[in-house]
Every structure is written in structure tokens, then in C-alpha cells.
Amino acid sequence: MNSEFPAPITKLFDLALARMGNKLPELWAENKTQFLISYSGGKDSSILVLFWKYLVEKFRIQTPTLFYLSHGIRSIETEEKELFQFLESTNFPFRFVKKKSQIFL
């Protein structure tokens, strides 16, 4: 197990895993289940990314692909830069899509 996760975080992840069923990740690994995770850059989805990293390392499941969508409504370069730095630190593959909002009359 990667020592990157502090013991209190590992304990929380183990508790979350117990609630969802300890055999589930084993089935995912066995079936080579693929996942796509929508990532907003917020605290909740960042913890979810770390939880998946934990599952990948512990159970050797397929690494999920992270997907982030920016609607392009406002300029958020600073937030996006921080988001990329975090994602790069996790070594998860991700796709970044910028979409311009469209107004239909």
C-alpha cells in the first residue's frame, strides 16, 4: 500500500469501503470494470479522486478516467490551474473539455 495516505485517511477510506461492501472492488478488478468520474475540482470530488486512487492501489482495479467540463461562461484560469496541479499530483488520466455556452432563442 502506498504510504502517501496518512493513517487517519486510510482508516476513513477503509470504513467507507466496508459500508459499500468489501467484495465490490475485487469484482471490479476481476471484471476489469472501467469507470468515468466527473470531477468538479471541489472538496467532495477531490476526496472522491483520492478514494479511487486508494482503491486502485489496494485492489489493482482499473484506473478511472476523470472528466472535467468547463462551460466557458466565466474566466476561471486560476481555478483551472489549481485543478490541473491537483490532478497531475494524483497521476490519474483525465480529459479537459471547454464548452462555450450557447443561447437558443
Protein backbone atom coordinates (compact mmCIF):
# COMPACT_ATOMS: atom_id res chain seq x y z
CA MET A 1 0.00 0.00 0.00
CA ASN A 2 1.24 3.43 -0.87
CA SER A 3 2.46 5.33 2.20
CA GLU A 4 1.18 8.54 0.59
CA PHE A 5 -2.07 8.24 2.54
CA PRO A 6 -1.85 9.18 6.21
CA ALA A 7 -3.20 6.55 8.61
CA PRO A 8 -6.33 8.57 9.56
CA ILE A 9 -7.27 8.93 5.87
CA THR A 10 -6.65 5.24 5.23
CA LYS A 11 -8.89 4.40 8.18
CA LEU A 12 -11.68 6.60 6.79
CA PHE A 13 -11.31 5.02 3.36
CA ASP A 14 -11.44 1.54 4.93
CA LEU A 15 -14.66 2.50 6.74
CA ALA A 16 -16.19 3.81 3.51
CA LEU A 17 -15.15 0.61 1.76
CA ALA A 18 -16.75 -1.52 4.48
CA ARG A 19 -20.03 0.38 4.03
CA MET A 20 -20.11 -0.23 0.28
CA GLY A 21 -19.14 -3.88 0.55
CA ASN A 22 -15.58 -5.15 0.74
CA LYS A 23 -16.04 -7.56 -2.17
CA LEU A 24 -17.07 -4.91 -4.68
CA PRO A 25 -13.56 -3.74 -5.63
CA GLU A 26 -12.47 -7.35 -6.05
CA LEU A 27 -15.31 -7.86 -8.54
CA TRP A 28 -14.32 -4.65 -10.34
CA ALA A 29 -10.73 -5.87 -10.61
CA GLU A 30 -11.80 -9.33 -11.77
CA ASN A 31 -14.19 -7.93 -14.40
CA LYS A 32 -11.83 -5.11 -15.43
CA THR A 33 -14.66 -2.65 -14.85
CA GLN A 34 -13.98 0.80 -16.25
CA PHE A 35 -15.18 4.00 -14.58
CA LEU A 36 -15.62 7.59 -15.65
CA ILE A 37 -15.66 10.08 -12.77
CA SER A 38 -16.99 13.58 -13.20
CA TYR A 39 -14.65 15.95 -11.39
CA SER A 40 -15.64 19.48 -10.39
CA GLY A 41 -12.48 20.49 -8.56
CA GLY A 42 -14.37 20.89 -5.29
CA LYS A 43 -13.56 19.27 -1.96
CA ASP A 44 -16.03 16.40 -2.33
CA SER A 45 -14.89 15.34 -5.76
CA SER A 46 -11.23 15.77 -4.76
CA ILE A 47 -11.74 13.34 -1.86
CA LEU A 48 -13.50 11.00 -4.28
CA VAL A 49 -10.43 11.10 -6.55
CA LEU A 50 -8.19 10.22 -3.61
CA PHE A 51 -10.55 7.41 -2.57
CA TRP A 52 -10.40 5.95 -6.09
CA LYS A 53 -6.61 6.22 -6.05
CA TYR A 54 -6.68 4.28 -2.78
CA LEU A 55 -8.91 1.60 -4.36
CA VAL A 56 -6.67 1.35 -7.42
CA GLU A 57 -3.58 0.84 -5.27
CA LYS A 58 -5.20 -1.55 -2.80
CA PHE A 59 -7.21 -3.72 -5.21
CA ARG A 60 -5.46 -3.14 -8.56
CA ILE A 61 -8.72 -2.09 -10.22
CA GLN A 62 -8.73 -0.19 -13.50
CA THR A 63 -7.74 3.45 -13.06
CA PRO A 64 -10.83 5.58 -13.61
CA THR A 65 -10.78 8.36 -16.14
CA LEU A 66 -11.54 11.79 -14.73
CA PHE A 67 -13.70 14.15 -16.72
CA TYR A 68 -13.92 17.89 -16.10
CA LEU A 69 -16.22 20.20 -18.01
CA SER A 70 -15.89 23.96 -18.04
CA HIS A 71 -18.87 25.70 -19.59
CA GLY A 72 -16.73 28.69 -20.53
CA ILE A 73 -19.25 31.08 -19.01
CA ARG A 74 -16.66 32.94 -16.98
CA SER A 75 -12.89 33.10 -16.89
CA ILE A 76 -11.53 30.73 -14.24
CA GLU A 77 -7.89 30.29 -15.24
CA THR A 78 -6.59 30.35 -11.65
CA GLU A 79 -9.06 27.69 -10.50
CA GLU A 80 -8.32 25.55 -13.55
CA LYS A 81 -4.56 25.81 -12.92
CA GLU A 82 -5.05 24.60 -9.31
CA LEU A 83 -7.33 21.84 -10.56
CA PHE A 84 -4.70 20.64 -13.05
CA GLN A 85 -1.98 20.72 -10.40
CA PHE A 86 -4.08 18.54 -8.11
CA LEU A 87 -4.97 16.09 -10.87
CA GLU A 88 -1.36 15.82 -12.01
CA SER A 89 -0.34 15.02 -8.44
CA THR A 90 -2.77 12.04 -8.45
CA ASN A 91 -1.46 10.62 -11.75
CA PHE A 92 -5.00 9.97 -12.94
CA PRO A 93 -5.77 10.23 -16.65
CA PHE A 94 -8.24 12.99 -17.35
CA ARG A 95 -9.88 14.83 -20.20
CA PHE A 96 -10.40 18.57 -20.10
CA VAL A 97 -13.22 19.98 -22.18
CA LYS A 98 -14.12 23.63 -22.53
CA LYS A 99 -17.57 24.23 -23.86
CA LYS A 100 -18.90 27.61 -24.81
CA SER A 101 -22.41 28.23 -23.63
CA GLN A 102 -24.99 28.57 -26.33
CA ILE A 103 -28.14 30.62 -26.18
CA PHE A 104 -31.06 29.41 -28.21
CA LEU A 105 -33.98 31.79 -28.80
